[in-house]
C-alpha atoms as a PDB file:
ATOM      1  CA  MET A   1     -17.879  85.593  31.890  1.00  0.00           C
ATOM      2  CA  ARG A   2     -18.206  84.506  28.261  1.00  0.00           C
ATOM      3  CA  VAL A   3     -16.007  86.554  25.919  1.00  0.00           C
ATOM      4  CA  VAL A   4     -15.588  86.720  22.143  1.00  0.00           C
ATOM      5  CA  LEU A   5     -12.183  88.087  21.133  1.00  0.00           C
ATOM      6  CA  ASP A   6     -12.072  89.402  17.586  1.00  0.00           C
ATOM      7  CA  THR A   7      -9.264  87.867  15.554  1.00  0.00           C
ATOM      8  CA  ASN A   8      -7.396  91.189  15.592  1.00  0.00           C
ATOM      9  CA  ILE A   9      -7.308  91.024  19.405  1.00  0.00           C
ATOM     10  CA  LEU A  10      -5.919  87.476  19.392  1.00  0.00           C
ATOM     11  CA  VAL A  11      -3.214  88.403  16.886  1.00  0.00           C
ATOM     12  CA  SER A  12      -2.348  91.566  18.810  1.00  0.00           C
ATOM     13  CA  ALA A  13      -1.989  89.515  21.983  1.00  0.00           C
ATOM     14  CA  LEU A  14       0.602  87.341  20.269  1.00  0.00           C
ATOM     15  CA  ILE A  15       2.523  90.322  18.913  1.00  0.00           C
ATOM     16  CA  THR A  16       2.820  92.638  21.911  1.00  0.00           C
ATOM     17  CA  ARG A  17       3.130  91.576  25.546  1.00  0.00           C
ATOM     18  CA  ASN A  18       1.586  93.465  28.470  1.00  0.00           C
ATOM     19  CA  THR A  19      -1.023  95.244  26.374  1.00  0.00           C
ATOM     20  CA  PRO A  20      -4.778  94.981  26.970  1.00  0.00           C
ATOM     21  CA  PRO A  21      -5.171  92.333  24.205  1.00  0.00           C
ATOM     22  CA  ASP A  22      -2.378  90.275  25.806  1.00  0.00           C
ATOM     23  CA  GLN A  23      -3.925  90.675  29.253  1.00  0.00           C
ATOM     24  CA  LEU A  24      -7.261  89.359  27.948  1.00  0.00           C
ATOM     25  CA  TYR A  25      -5.514  86.472  26.214  1.00  0.00           C
ATOM     26  CA  ARG A  26      -3.684  85.605  29.450  1.00  0.00           C
ATOM     27  CA  ALA A  27      -6.955  85.875  31.409  1.00  0.00           C
ATOM     28  CA  TRP A  28      -8.406  83.226  29.098  1.00  0.00           C
ATOM     29  CA  LEU A  29      -5.324  80.999  29.431  1.00  0.00           C
ATOM     30  CA  ARG A  30      -5.636  81.241  33.240  1.00  0.00           C
ATOM     31  CA  GLY A  31      -9.318  80.341  33.065  1.00  0.00           C
ATOM     32  CA  ASP A  32     -10.511  83.727  34.335  1.00  0.00           C
ATOM     33  CA  VAL A  33     -12.847  84.087  31.328  1.00  0.00           C
ATOM     34  CA  GLU A  34     -14.535  81.626  29.007  1.00  0.00           C
ATOM     35  CA  LEU A  35     -13.548  82.238  25.406  1.00  0.00           C
ATOM     36  CA  VAL A  36     -16.184  81.663  22.744  1.00  0.00           C
ATOM     37  CA  THR A  37     -14.869  80.989  19.250  1.00  0.00           C
ATOM     38  CA  SER A  38     -15.814  79.014  16.154  1.00  0.00           C
ATOM     39  CA  GLN A  39     -14.237  76.727  13.608  1.00  0.00           C
ATOM     40  CA  ALA A  40     -14.409  79.632  11.129  1.00  0.00           C
ATOM     41  CA  GLN A  41     -12.483  81.967  13.450  1.00  0.00           C
ATOM     42  CA  ILE A  42      -9.863  79.307  14.147  1.00  0.00           C
ATOM     43  CA  ALA A  43      -9.392  78.871  10.378  1.00  0.00           C
ATOM     44  CA  GLU A  44      -9.112  82.652   9.966  1.00  0.00           C
ATOM     45  CA  LEU A  45      -6.554  82.864  12.779  1.00  0.00           C
ATOM     46  CA  ARG A  46      -4.512  80.049  11.216  1.00  0.00           C
ATOM     47  CA  ALA A  47      -4.485  81.929   7.892  1.00  0.00           C
ATOM     48  CA  VAL A  48      -3.563  85.261   9.481  1.00  0.00           C
ATOM     49  CA  LEU A  49      -0.740  83.724  11.528  1.00  0.00           C
ATOM     50  CA  GLY A  50       0.580  82.120   8.341  1.00  0.00           C
ATOM     51  CA  ARG A  51       1.067  85.487   6.653  1.00  0.00           C
ATOM     52  CA  PRO A  52       4.768  86.061   5.980  1.00  0.00           C
ATOM     53  CA  ARG A  53       4.632  89.706   7.098  1.00  0.00           C
ATOM     54  CA  LEU A  54       3.426  88.659  10.574  1.00  0.00           C
ATOM     55  CA  ARG A  55       5.803  85.761  11.159  1.00  0.00           C
ATOM     56  CA  ARG A  56       8.626  88.033  12.304  1.00  0.00           C
ATOM     57  CA  TYR A  57       6.417  89.628  14.971  1.00  0.00           C
ATOM     58  CA  VAL A  58       4.796  86.538  16.452  1.00  0.00           C
ATOM     59  CA  ASP A  59       6.616  84.094  18.723  1.00  0.00           C
ATOM     60  CA  PRO A  60       6.423  80.842  16.715  1.00  0.00           C
ATOM     61  CA  ASP A  61       6.018  78.734  19.864  1.00  0.00           C
ATOM     62  CA  GLU A  62       3.066  80.843  21.014  1.00  0.00           C
ATOM     63  CA  ALA A  63       1.536  80.701  17.531  1.00  0.00           C
ATOM     64  CA  ASP A  64       1.871  76.901  17.609  1.00  0.00           C
ATOM     65  CA  ARG A  65       0.185  76.733  21.031  1.00  0.00           C
ATOM     66  CA  ILE A  66      -2.825  78.980  20.405  1.00  0.00           C
ATOM     67  CA  LEU A  67      -4.633  76.858  17.818  1.00  0.00           C
ATOM     68  CA  PRO A  68      -4.669  73.618  19.869  1.00  0.00           C
ATOM     69  CA  ALA A  69      -5.485  75.660  22.998  1.00  0.00           C
ATOM     70  CA  LEU A  70      -8.543  77.087  21.278  1.00  0.00           C
ATOM     71  CA  HIS A  71      -9.783  73.586  20.467  1.00  0.00           C
ATOM     72  CA  LEU A  72      -9.139  72.332  24.004  1.00  0.00           C
ATOM     73  CA  ASN A  73      -9.898  75.310  26.253  1.00  0.00           C
ATOM     74  CA  ALA A  74     -12.492  77.429  24.472  1.00  0.00           C
ATOM     75  CA  THR A  75     -16.120  76.945  23.614  1.00  0.00           C
ATOM     76  CA  VAL A  76     -15.861  76.175  19.895  1.00  0.00           C
ATOM     77  CA  LEU A  77     -19.112  76.720  18.032  1.00  0.00           C
ATOM     78  CA  GLN A  78     -19.869  74.687  14.942  1.00  0.00           C
ATOM     79  CA  ASP A  79     -21.802  76.019  11.940  1.00  0.00           C
ATOM     80  CA  VAL A  80     -22.720  79.422  13.355  1.00  0.00           C
ATOM     81  CA  PRO A  81     -25.561  80.941  11.312  1.00  0.00           C
ATOM     82  CA  VAL A  82     -24.195  84.217   9.959  1.00  0.00           C
ATOM     83  CA  THR A  83     -26.553  87.063   9.172  1.00  0.00           C
ATOM     84  CA  ARG A  84     -25.865  90.599   8.019  1.00  0.00           C
ATOM     85  CA  ARG A  85     -25.132  92.647  11.159  1.00  0.00           C
ATOM     86  CA  SER A  86     -22.130  94.833  10.295  1.00  0.00           C
ATOM     87  CA  PRO A  87     -21.246  97.275   7.531  1.00  0.00           C
ATOM     88  CA  ASP A  88     -18.222  95.007   6.969  1.00  0.00           C
ATOM     89  CA  PRO A  89     -19.369  91.480   6.037  1.00  0.00           C
ATOM     90  CA  LYS A  90     -16.080  90.063   7.408  1.00  0.00           C
ATOM     91  CA  ASP A  91     -17.257  91.021  10.907  1.00  0.00           C
ATOM     92  CA  ASP A  92     -20.582  89.203  10.665  1.00  0.00           C
ATOM     93  CA  SER A  93     -19.158  85.841  11.740  1.00  0.00           C
ATOM     94  CA  ILE A  94     -17.675  87.349  14.935  1.00  0.00           C
ATOM     95  CA  LEU A  95     -21.000  89.007  15.755  1.00  0.00           C
ATOM     96  CA  ALA A  96     -22.870  85.777  15.025  1.00  0.00           C
ATOM     97  CA  MET A  97     -20.545  83.916  17.422  1.00  0.00           C
ATOM     98  CA  ALA A  98     -21.422  86.382  20.162  1.00  0.00           C
ATOM     99  CA  VAL A  99     -25.140  85.820  19.666  1.00  0.00           C
ATOM    100  CA  ALA A 100     -24.972  82.032  19.183  1.00  0.00           C
ATOM    101  CA  GLY A 101     -22.520  81.620  22.072  1.00  0.00           C
ATOM    102  CA  ALA A 102     -24.464  83.870  24.465  1.00  0.00           C
ATOM    103  CA  ALA A 103     -21.345  85.985  25.022  1.00  0.00           C
ATOM    104  CA  ASP A 104     -21.301  88.641  27.715  1.00  0.00           C
ATOM    105  CA  ILE A 105     -18.974  90.871  25.682  1.00  0.00           C
ATOM    106  CA  VAL A 106     -17.299  91.116  22.278  1.00  0.00           C
ATOM    107  CA  VAL A 107     -13.807  92.606  22.249  1.00  0.00           C
ATOM    108  CA  SER A 108     -12.471  94.214  19.088  1.00  0.00           C
ATOM    109  CA  GLY A 109      -9.973  96.772  17.904  1.00  0.00           C
ATOM    110  CA  ASP A 110     -11.940  97.574  14.742  1.00  0.00           C
ATOM    111  CA  LYS A 111     -13.009 101.160  15.429  1.00  0.00           C
ATOM    112  CA  THR A 112     -14.547 101.731  12.005  1.00  0.00           C
ATOM    113  CA  ASP A 113     -17.105  98.934  12.006  1.00  0.00           C
ATOM    114  CA  MET A 114     -17.254  96.680  15.063  1.00  0.00           C
ATOM    115  CA  LEU A 115     -16.808  99.232  17.836  1.00  0.00           C
ATOM    116  CA  ALA A 116     -19.080 101.690  16.030  1.00  0.00           C
ATOM    117  CA  LEU A 117     -21.938  99.182  16.444  1.00  0.00           C
ATOM    118  CA  LYS A 118     -21.559  99.356  20.263  1.00  0.00           C
ATOM    119  CA  LYS A 119     -23.797  96.262  20.748  1.00  0.00           C
ATOM    120  CA  VAL A 120     -25.036  93.173  18.998  1.00  0.00           C
ATOM    121  CA  GLU A 121     -28.419  91.972  20.249  1.00  0.00           C
ATOM    122  CA  GLY A 122     -27.713  93.453  23.675  1.00  0.00           C
ATOM    123  CA  THR A 123     -24.127  92.199  23.961  1.00  0.00           C
ATOM    124  CA  PRO A 124     -21.677  95.092  24.324  1.00  0.00           C
ATOM    125  CA  ILE A 125     -18.798  95.491  21.882  1.00  0.00           C
ATOM    126  CA  ALA A 126     -15.769  97.017  23.593  1.00  0.00           C
ATOM    127  CA  THR A 127     -12.089  97.732  23.181  1.00  0.00           C
ATOM    128  CA  ALA A 128      -9.636  95.508  25.038  1.00  0.00           C
ATOM    129  CA  ARG A 129      -9.025  98.282  27.574  1.00  0.00           C
ATOM    130  CA  GLU A 130     -12.767  98.709  28.178  1.00  0.00           C
ATOM    131  CA  ALA A 131     -13.189  94.949  28.545  1.00  0.00           C
ATOM    132  CA  LEU A 132     -10.465  94.797  31.187  1.00  0.00           C
ATOM    133  CA  SER A 133     -12.360  97.367  33.225  1.00  0.00           C
ATOM    134  CA  ILE A 134     -15.571  95.302  33.292  1.00  0.00           C
ATOM    135  CA  ILE A 135     -14.265  91.735  33.503  1.00  0.00           C
ATOM    136  CA  PRO A 136     -14.060  90.834  37.196  1.00  0.00           C
ATOM    137  CA  GLY A 137     -10.494  90.771  38.489  1.00  0.00           C
ATOM    138  CA  GLN A 138      -8.941  92.040  35.257  1.00  0.00           C
ATOM    139  CA  SER A 139      -8.514  95.764  35.900  1.00  0.00           C
ATOM    140  CA  ARG A 140      -4.971  96.933  35.316  1.00  0.00           C
ATOM    141  CA  PRO A 141      -2.916  99.857  36.559  1.00  0.00           C
ATOM    142  CA  PRO A 142      -3.323 103.027  34.435  1.00  0.00           C
ATOM    143  CA  GLY A 143      -0.729 103.663  31.766  1.00  0.00           C
ATOM    144  CA  GLN A 144       0.260 100.042  31.178  1.00  0.00           C
ATOM    145  CA  GLY A 145       0.146  99.158  27.513  1.00  0.00           C
ATOM    146  CA  ALA A 146      -1.976 100.470  24.689  1.00  0.00           C
ATOM    147  CA  ASP A 147      -4.853  99.091  22.696  1.00  0.00           C
ATOM    148  CA  GLU A 148      -2.627  97.843  19.925  1.00  0.00           C
ATOM    149  CA  ASN A 149      -4.038  95.460  17.389  1.00  0.00           C
ATOM    150  CA  VAL A 150      -3.603  94.234  13.869  1.00  0.00           C
ATOM    151  CA  ASP A 151      -6.303  93.776  11.247  1.00  0.00           C
END
């Protein structure tokens, strides 16, 4: 299954263990899902992880591992054509990745804009918890973790 994880999901995975974002991140690391990303998202993630206010929450070793892992173990799209798809222009690149990368699902914690869209060209947009329920082999016991994420 091809999955696009919004940057807020990736950051949340690095901040809080055993939450749905972390479980999706671990599923990708295990090879249970194929992560679709882009050079632009990797640059955004690098910038977000460099923010001083986040440094105290993120394990520095994990932060150092994620960027090379994305280059080596994800489908990294180059020059994704971005078109206006979301009320928030910052989300358009994530939605464009989903379309260009033929993703099966987009996972986001952005309730205001991304999740409100529900789909992008037929690809569902879901919370991390919802994604876990539809990705084969990723369901989790009820009550474990919350959909925590950082914008």
